[in-house]
């Protein structure tokens, strides 16, 4: 696998009620040819 897409939902709780206040989405991409997870020098 060379990339992953992630989503984050941020909620606030006020008086027992939950409310969605922010949403974020991003893509993480591997750099390099190694694939071992080790950083390249």
C-alpha atoms as a PDB file:
ATOM      1  CA  UNK A   1       0.000   0.000   0.000  1.00  0.00           C
ATOM      2  CA  UNK A   2       1.395   3.429  -0.886  1.00  0.00           C
ATOM      3  CA  UNK A   3      -1.235   5.749   0.611  1.00  0.00           C
ATOM      4  CA  UNK A   4      -4.122   5.976   3.065  1.00  0.00           C
ATOM      5  CA  UNK A   5      -7.038   8.382   3.385  1.00  0.00           C
ATOM      6  CA  UNK A   6      -8.061   9.402   6.920  1.00  0.00           C
ATOM      7  CA  UNK A   7     -11.091  11.254   8.275  1.00  0.00           C
ATOM      8  CA  UNK A   8     -11.467  12.926  11.665  1.00  0.00           C
ATOM      9  CA  UNK A   9     -14.736  14.113  13.259  1.00  0.00           C
ATOM     10  CA  UNK A  10     -14.536  16.460  16.266  1.00  0.00           C
ATOM     11  CA  UNK A  11     -17.493  16.591  18.656  1.00  0.00           C
ATOM     12  CA  UNK A  12     -18.262  18.789  21.658  1.00  0.00           C
ATOM     13  CA  UNK A  13     -20.460  17.663  24.542  1.00  0.00           C
ATOM     14  CA  UNK A  14     -22.642  20.320  26.165  1.00  0.00           C
ATOM     15  CA  UNK A  15     -25.202  19.404  28.813  1.00  0.00           C
ATOM     16  CA  UNK A  16     -25.332  15.799  27.652  1.00  0.00           C
ATOM     17  CA  UNK A  17     -25.885  16.750  23.993  1.00  0.00           C
ATOM     18  CA  UNK A  18     -23.193  15.902  21.442  1.00  0.00           C
ATOM     19  CA  UNK A  19     -22.577  18.303  18.537  1.00  0.00           C
ATOM     20  CA  UNK A  20     -20.292  17.912  15.512  1.00  0.00           C
ATOM     21  CA  UNK A  21     -18.056  21.000  15.305  1.00  0.00           C
ATOM     22  CA  UNK A  22     -15.316  20.091  12.794  1.00  0.00           C
ATOM     23  CA  UNK A  23     -14.454  17.566  10.102  1.00  0.00           C
ATOM     24  CA  UNK A  24     -11.035  16.961   8.544  1.00  0.00           C
ATOM     25  CA  UNK A  25      -9.830  14.637   5.804  1.00  0.00           C
ATOM     26  CA  UNK A  26      -6.319  13.981   4.574  1.00  0.00           C
ATOM     27  CA  UNK A  27      -4.206  11.625   2.518  1.00  0.00           C
ATOM     28  CA  UNK A  28      -0.918  10.170   3.757  1.00  0.00           C
ATOM     29  CA  UNK A  29       1.522   9.014   1.070  1.00  0.00           C
ATOM     30  CA  UNK A  30       4.629   6.884   1.511  1.00  0.00           C
ATOM     31  CA  UNK A  31       7.802   8.470   0.126  1.00  0.00           C
ATOM     32  CA  UNK A  32      10.600   6.309  -1.238  1.00  0.00           C
ATOM     33  CA  UNK A  33      11.028   2.834  -2.612  1.00  0.00           C
ATOM     34  CA  UNK A  34      11.982   0.916   0.564  1.00  0.00           C
ATOM     35  CA  UNK A  35       8.582   0.028   1.935  1.00  0.00           C
ATOM     36  CA  UNK A  36      10.136  -1.070   5.249  1.00  0.00           C
ATOM     37  CA  UNK A  37       8.771   1.904   7.171  1.00  0.00           C
ATOM     38  CA  UNK A  38      12.313   3.030   7.982  1.00  0.00           C
ATOM     39  CA  UNK A  39      13.239   6.631   7.128  1.00  0.00           C
ATOM     40  CA  UNK A  40      15.628   7.123   4.212  1.00  0.00           C
ATOM     41  CA  UNK A  41      18.894   9.024   4.774  1.00  0.00           C
END
